Protein backbone atom coordinates (compact mmCIF):
# COMPACT_ATOMS: atom_id res chain seq x y z
CA MET A 1 -16.92 20.16 -19.70
CA ASP A 2 -15.02 22.10 -17.08
CA ASN A 3 -12.06 19.95 -15.74
CA ARG A 4 -13.51 20.26 -12.22
CA ASN A 5 -16.60 18.64 -13.28
CA LYS A 6 -15.18 15.79 -15.15
CA TYR A 7 -15.15 12.19 -13.97
CA SER A 8 -12.19 9.64 -13.69
CA PHE A 9 -12.12 5.84 -13.42
CA GLY A 10 -9.94 4.57 -10.65
CA ILE A 11 -8.75 0.92 -11.00
CA ASP A 12 -6.87 -1.43 -8.48
CA VAL A 13 -5.70 -4.70 -10.15
CA GLY A 14 -5.33 -7.58 -7.68
CA GLY A 15 -4.57 -11.21 -8.04
CA THR A 16 -8.39 -12.30 -7.51
CA THR A 17 -10.30 -9.27 -8.47
CA VAL A 18 -10.02 -5.93 -10.05
CA LYS A 19 -11.60 -3.07 -8.03
CA LEU A 20 -12.94 -0.23 -10.00
CA GLY A 21 -14.50 3.05 -9.08
CA LEU A 22 -16.02 6.08 -10.94
CA PHE A 23 -15.06 9.43 -9.20
CA GLN A 24 -16.03 13.02 -9.54
CA ALA A 25 -12.91 15.29 -9.75
CA ASN A 26 -13.79 16.48 -6.10
CA GLY A 27 -13.40 12.89 -4.78
CA ILE A 28 -16.87 11.76 -4.45
CA LEU A 29 -17.19 8.17 -5.36
CA ARG A 30 -20.30 7.69 -7.79
CA GLU A 31 -19.96 3.89 -8.01
CA LYS A 32 -17.59 1.09 -7.17
CA TRP A 33 -17.49 -2.58 -8.27
CA GLU A 34 -15.47 -5.38 -8.88
CA ILE A 35 -14.65 -7.98 -11.85
CA LYS A 36 -12.68 -11.15 -11.59
CA THR A 37 -9.08 -11.04 -12.33
CA ARG A 38 -8.76 -13.73 -15.33
CA THR A 39 -4.91 -14.59 -14.73
CA GLN A 40 -5.07 -17.43 -17.33
CA ASP A 41 -3.30 -17.20 -20.47
CA ALA A 42 -0.60 -15.04 -19.19
CA GLY A 43 -3.21 -12.56 -18.08
CA LYS A 44 -4.26 -11.62 -21.68
CA HIS A 45 -7.95 -11.29 -20.73
CA ILE A 46 -7.38 -8.70 -17.97
CA LEU A 47 -7.16 -5.33 -19.95
CA PRO A 48 -9.93 -6.37 -22.45
CA ASP A 49 -12.07 -7.18 -19.38
CA ILE A 50 -11.29 -3.68 -17.83
CA ALA A 51 -12.03 -2.05 -21.25
CA ASP A 52 -15.41 -3.78 -21.46
CA THR A 53 -16.54 -2.95 -18.06
CA ILE A 54 -15.67 0.64 -18.42
CA SER A 55 -17.51 0.95 -21.71
CA GLU A 56 -20.43 -0.42 -20.02
CA LYS A 57 -20.33 2.02 -17.14
CA MET A 58 -19.97 4.98 -19.55
CA LYS A 59 -23.14 3.76 -21.13
CA GLU A 60 -24.95 3.61 -17.78
CA HIS A 61 -23.75 6.97 -16.73
CA ASN A 62 -24.21 8.58 -20.22
CA LEU A 63 -20.57 9.63 -20.06
CA HIS A 64 -18.51 10.37 -23.23
CA GLU A 65 -14.74 10.84 -23.74
CA GLU A 66 -15.04 14.33 -23.14
CA ASP A 67 -16.63 14.04 -19.86
CA LEU A 68 -13.56 12.09 -18.47
CA HIS A 69 -10.16 13.03 -17.25
CA GLY A 70 -9.36 9.18 -18.12
CA ILE A 71 -8.35 6.14 -16.30
CA GLY A 72 -5.87 5.76 -13.47
CA MET A 73 -4.73 2.22 -12.58
CA GLY A 74 -2.57 0.69 -9.84
CA ILE A 75 -0.84 -2.75 -10.44
CA PRO A 76 0.95 -5.09 -8.07
CA ALA A 77 4.41 -4.71 -9.78
CA PRO A 78 7.05 -2.29 -10.53
CA VAL A 79 5.89 0.09 -13.33
CA ASN A 80 7.98 2.72 -15.12
CA SER A 81 6.81 6.21 -16.02
CA GLN A 82 5.85 5.11 -19.55
CA GLY A 83 3.29 2.53 -17.79
CA VAL A 84 5.38 -0.43 -18.75
CA VAL A 85 5.68 -3.57 -16.48
CA HIS A 86 8.51 -6.16 -16.98
CA ALA A 87 7.15 -8.86 -14.79
CA THR A 88 4.30 -9.54 -12.21
CA ALA A 89 4.06 -11.92 -9.35
CA ASN A 90 0.56 -12.92 -9.37
CA ILE A 91 -1.48 -11.67 -12.33
CA GLY A 92 0.30 -13.43 -15.21
CA TRP A 93 1.98 -10.61 -17.05
CA GLY A 94 5.67 -10.59 -18.27
CA TYR A 95 6.65 -7.48 -20.23
CA LYS A 96 3.68 -5.54 -20.99
CA GLU A 97 2.99 -2.05 -22.25
CA VAL A 98 -0.02 -1.53 -19.98
CA ARG A 99 -0.72 2.13 -20.57
CA ARG A 100 -0.50 1.92 -24.47
CA GLU A 101 -2.59 -1.25 -24.63
CA LEU A 102 -5.45 0.19 -22.42
CA GLU A 103 -5.33 3.51 -24.25
CA GLU A 104 -5.87 1.58 -27.53
CA LEU A 105 -8.80 -0.47 -26.02
CA THR A 106 -10.70 2.35 -24.45
CA LYS A 107 -9.65 5.47 -26.48
CA LEU A 108 -9.15 7.06 -23.10
CA LYS A 109 -6.12 8.64 -21.48
CA VAL A 110 -4.43 6.15 -19.07
CA LYS A 111 -1.94 6.54 -16.26
CA VAL A 112 -0.50 3.50 -14.46
CA ALA A 113 1.57 3.18 -11.34
CA ASN A 114 2.47 0.53 -8.63
CA ASP A 115 -0.38 -0.29 -6.55
CA ALA A 116 1.34 0.67 -3.26
CA ASN A 117 2.24 4.10 -4.41
CA VAL A 118 -1.37 4.59 -5.78
CA ALA A 119 -2.76 3.71 -2.36
CA ALA A 120 -0.48 6.11 -0.69
CA LEU A 121 -1.78 8.91 -3.18
CA GLY A 122 -5.42 7.85 -2.23
CA GLU A 123 -4.42 8.20 1.54
CA MET A 124 -2.95 11.52 0.76
CA TRP A 125 -6.04 12.70 -1.09
CA LEU A 126 -8.87 11.15 1.01
CA GLY A 127 -7.66 9.38 3.95
CA GLY A 128 -4.99 9.43 6.74
CA GLY A 129 -2.78 11.74 4.93
CA GLN A 130 -5.11 14.16 3.82
CA GLY A 131 -3.98 17.77 4.07
CA TYR A 132 -0.27 16.80 3.45
CA CYS A 133 1.68 16.54 0.21
CA ASN A 134 4.51 14.52 1.63
CA VAL A 135 3.33 11.15 2.78
CA VAL A 136 4.76 7.78 3.53
CA LEU A 137 2.33 4.80 3.51
CA ALA A 138 3.34 1.57 5.18
CA THR A 139 0.90 -1.40 4.62
CA LEU A 140 1.41 -4.06 7.16
CA GLY A 141 -0.26 -7.23 5.92
CA THR A 142 1.00 -10.57 4.73
CA GLY A 143 4.20 -8.54 3.57
CA VAL A 144 5.02 -4.85 4.12
CA GLY A 145 4.16 -2.60 1.02
CA GLY A 146 5.13 1.02 0.81
CA GLY A 147 4.26 4.15 -1.05
CA ILE A 148 6.11 7.43 -0.91
CA ILE A 149 4.74 10.66 -1.99
CA VAL A 150 6.91 13.67 -2.38
CA ARG A 151 5.29 16.90 -3.41
CA SER A 152 1.95 15.19 -4.23
CA GLU A 153 3.75 12.95 -6.60
CA GLY A 154 4.64 9.14 -6.20
CA ILE A 155 8.46 8.18 -6.18
CA ILE A 156 8.72 5.60 -8.89
CA GLY A 157 12.58 5.40 -9.51
CA GLU A 158 14.45 4.17 -12.41
CA HIS A 159 13.19 0.64 -12.41
CA GLY A 160 9.73 1.42 -11.04
CA SER A 161 10.40 -0.15 -7.57
CA GLY A 162 10.60 3.17 -5.49
CA GLY A 163 8.89 2.96 -2.14
CA GLU A 164 9.72 -0.91 -1.48
CA ILE A 165 10.21 -0.03 2.08
CA GLY A 166 9.44 -3.74 3.18
CA HIS A 167 12.82 -4.78 1.81
CA ILE A 168 14.88 -2.28 3.84
CA LEU A 169 17.61 -4.25 5.59
CA VAL A 170 16.98 -3.93 9.26
CA GLU A 171 18.77 -7.00 10.79
CA PRO A 172 22.01 -8.10 9.24
CA THR A 173 22.37 -11.16 11.51
CA GLU A 174 19.16 -12.82 10.43
CA GLN A 175 19.49 -16.29 8.99
CA GLU A 176 16.00 -17.05 7.78
CA LYS A 177 15.14 -15.73 4.21
CA CYS A 178 12.66 -13.25 3.45
CA GLY A 179 10.13 -13.84 0.50
CA CYS A 180 12.43 -11.74 -1.84
CA GLY A 181 15.32 -14.21 -1.20
CA ARG A 182 17.41 -12.03 1.10
CA GLN A 183 17.64 -12.05 4.86
CA GLY A 184 16.89 -9.27 7.50
CA CYS A 185 14.17 -7.30 5.53
CA LEU A 186 11.78 -5.13 7.65
CA GLU A 187 9.03 -7.32 6.20
CA GLN A 188 10.30 -10.37 8.26
CA TYR A 189 9.66 -8.45 11.57
CA THR A 190 6.72 -5.93 11.09
CA SER A 191 4.30 -7.75 8.55
CA ALA A 192 1.48 -9.73 10.18
CA THR A 193 3.60 -12.91 9.53
CA GLY A 194 6.60 -11.22 10.92
CA ILE A 195 4.99 -10.33 14.05
CA VAL A 196 4.10 -14.01 14.43
CA ARG A 197 7.67 -14.87 13.78
CA LEU A 198 8.57 -12.51 16.72
CA ALA A 199 6.04 -14.05 18.92
CA LYS A 200 7.17 -17.63 18.50
CA ARG A 201 10.93 -16.60 19.03
CA ARG A 202 10.00 -14.72 22.14
CA LEU A 203 7.87 -17.60 23.66
CA GLN A 204 10.70 -19.98 22.98
CA GLU A 205 13.06 -18.08 25.05
CA ASP A 206 11.67 -18.98 28.41
CA ASP A 207 8.59 -20.08 30.35
CA THR A 208 7.14 -16.58 31.30
CA PRO A 209 3.31 -16.98 31.62
CA SER A 210 1.33 -15.48 28.69
CA THR A 211 -2.01 -15.72 27.16
CA LEU A 212 -0.12 -16.41 23.88
CA ARG A 213 1.01 -19.81 24.86
CA ASP A 214 -0.76 -23.01 23.51
CA ARG A 215 -2.97 -21.12 20.96
CA GLU A 216 -2.90 -20.37 17.26
CA LEU A 217 -0.86 -17.18 16.84
CA SER A 218 -1.67 -14.16 14.64
CA ALA A 219 -0.77 -10.46 14.81
CA LYS A 220 -4.37 -9.70 15.98
CA GLU A 221 -3.94 -12.15 18.99
CA VAL A 222 -0.59 -10.47 19.79
CA PHE A 223 -1.92 -7.01 19.80
CA ASP A 224 -5.36 -8.10 21.84
CA ALA A 225 -2.85 -9.64 24.34
CA VAL A 226 -0.99 -6.14 24.54
CA LYS A 227 -4.32 -4.56 25.18
CA ALA A 228 -4.95 -7.07 27.93
CA ASN A 229 -1.56 -5.98 29.61
CA ASP A 230 0.11 -9.19 28.78
CA GLN A 231 3.84 -8.67 29.35
CA VAL A 232 5.13 -11.08 26.93
CA ALA A 233 2.96 -9.51 24.25
CA ILE A 234 4.14 -6.29 25.15
CA GLU A 235 7.73 -7.13 24.79
CA ILE A 236 6.85 -8.55 21.25
CA ALA A 237 5.15 -5.26 20.43
CA ARG A 238 8.27 -3.31 21.66
CA THR A 239 10.51 -5.37 19.31
CA PHE A 240 8.14 -4.74 16.41
CA GLY A 241 8.03 -1.16 17.09
CA GLU A 242 11.84 -0.86 17.41
CA TYR A 243 12.25 -2.35 13.84
CA LEU A 244 9.53 -0.16 12.36
CA GLY A 245 10.45 2.99 14.22
CA LYS A 246 14.17 2.80 13.23
CA ALA A 247 13.19 2.04 9.68
CA PHE A 248 10.86 5.10 9.65
CA ALA A 249 13.78 7.25 11.04
CA THR A 250 15.86 6.20 8.04
CA ILE A 251 13.16 6.98 5.56
CA SER A 252 12.51 10.25 7.12
CA ALA A 253 16.25 11.35 6.77
CA ILE A 254 15.99 10.66 2.92
CA VAL A 255 12.37 11.95 1.94
CA ASP A 256 11.34 14.10 4.86
CA PRO A 257 7.51 13.32 5.17
CA ALA A 258 5.08 15.20 7.10
CA VAL A 259 3.31 12.18 7.87
CA PHE A 260 3.61 8.34 8.26
CA VAL A 261 0.26 6.50 7.41
CA ILE A 262 -0.08 2.97 8.70
CA GLY A 263 -2.36 0.65 6.73
CA GLY A 264 -2.86 -3.07 6.12
CA GLY A 265 -4.48 -5.58 8.30
CA VAL A 266 -2.15 -5.04 11.19
CA SER A 267 -3.35 -1.49 11.49
CA LYS A 268 -6.70 -2.74 12.69
CA ALA A 269 -5.10 -2.97 16.27
CA GLY A 270 -5.80 0.64 16.28
CA LYS A 271 -3.92 3.64 17.91
CA ILE A 272 -2.17 1.31 20.52
CA LEU A 273 -0.10 0.22 17.39
CA LEU A 274 1.36 3.71 16.98
CA GLU A 275 2.45 3.94 20.65
CA PHE A 276 5.04 1.31 20.00
CA ILE A 277 6.41 3.01 16.61
CA GLU A 278 6.65 6.50 17.91
CA GLY A 279 8.94 6.17 20.83
CA PRO A 280 11.85 4.21 18.78
CA TYR A 281 11.26 6.74 15.98
CA HIS A 282 11.82 9.73 17.97
CA LYS A 283 14.86 8.16 19.56
CA HIS A 284 16.56 7.48 16.16
CA ALA A 285 15.32 10.30 14.03
CA PHE A 286 17.25 13.19 12.90
CA PHE A 287 16.29 16.46 14.78
CA ALA A 288 14.82 18.07 11.68
CA ASN A 289 12.37 15.02 11.37
CA GLN A 290 10.97 15.08 14.81
CA GLU A 291 7.81 16.74 13.92
CA VAL A 292 6.42 14.11 11.75
CA LYS A 293 2.95 12.85 12.29
CA PHE A 294 1.57 9.20 12.65
CA GLU A 295 -1.80 8.32 11.40
CA LEU A 296 -3.87 5.18 10.83
CA ALA A 297 -5.08 4.63 7.16
CA LYS A 298 -8.82 5.48 6.67
CA LEU A 299 -9.51 4.11 3.30
CA GLY A 300 -9.22 0.43 3.76
CA ASN A 301 -9.65 -1.49 0.41
CA ASP A 302 -10.87 1.65 -1.28
CA ALA A 303 -7.35 3.26 -1.03
CA GLY A 304 -6.42 1.84 -4.43
CA ILE A 305 -9.17 3.02 -6.57
CA CYS A 306 -9.08 6.52 -4.84
CA GLY A 307 -5.46 6.96 -5.67
CA ALA A 308 -5.74 5.69 -9.00
CA ALA A 309 -8.36 8.19 -9.80
CA LYS A 310 -6.16 10.93 -8.20
CA LEU A 311 -3.28 9.88 -10.44
CA ILE A 312 -5.19 10.72 -13.70
CA ILE A 313 -6.94 13.73 -12.38
CA GLU A 314 -3.54 15.14 -11.73
CA GLU A 315 -2.04 14.14 -15.11
C-alpha cells in the first residue's frame, strides 16, 4: 500500500482513560474511542489493554500490518528518544520500556513521546498551529503544560522533559510552593488554579467593589467578570497576562516560534484571553520575535490522538 493511503493509530494515555483514534495519513479521523486506564498493579494492564483494543479495531476495519504506519502514543511523563519512561505521576509506571513492550505486543511500529509535545504536534498538524512548523503550545488547565515544536519535531531534551514551560521561574519572591516543590513557577499564576490564587490575593488587598466577591472563584468566573467590565477582574487578568507574556517572550528568544497556541480549560475564555497576553509579550520580546502569532487551540481533547498519529506518520 502507498504510504499516503496507510493508516495510523493515535493514542493518548491519561490517568482515567486511554483515548484512541484511527487516522488516515491525510489527517481524516476514521474512528475514535476510549478504554479505561487500569492503573492498579503498577499499571501492568495498560499496554496489554491497548494492544487488545488495537487488534480488535484492525479486525473490524480489515487492516493488516502492511496497511499501517504504526502506533503513536502520548504519555503524561517525560519520555526519552528510545520510548523509555523512568517514572509517571498518575498511571502507575516506574521505569518502563514502553516502545519496546508495545511493539512486542502488537507487532507494529511504535513511537512514544510526552503527551504535551504530542498535543502540540496535533495542533500544528490539524489545529491552531496549522500551516506552521515552529509552534509552542501552552495548555492552561489545573497546571500549565507545554509542547515545543521546532521544524515539525518536538523538543524532547536529554531527560525527556523538554517543553515543561509551566515550571519556568517567573516570580523569585514567591513564598508558596508549586506542585513541583519549588516556588515562583509560571504554573502558579497562569493555570486555572493560579488565576484563582491571583484573584484571592487581589480581593484581599482592599474593598474595591467587584462581582467576584462573596462567591466561589474560578478562572471562568474571573474572565466572565472581565467581559462584564469588572475593573478588579481586569486587574487580575492583566497580572495573569504580564506573567504569561513575559514567559512567552523568554521562550521566543530561545526557540523563535511562528505561533503560540493557547489551549486547556482557561482558553475557553476565548479571544479576550489573548488581548492580555499580547501586550506584555510585545513589550518584553526581542525585536526579531515581534511577528509571532497568537492563536487559540482548536482540537480540544482530540489534540493528543491527532498528534500521536502524526508522530508515527512522520517516523
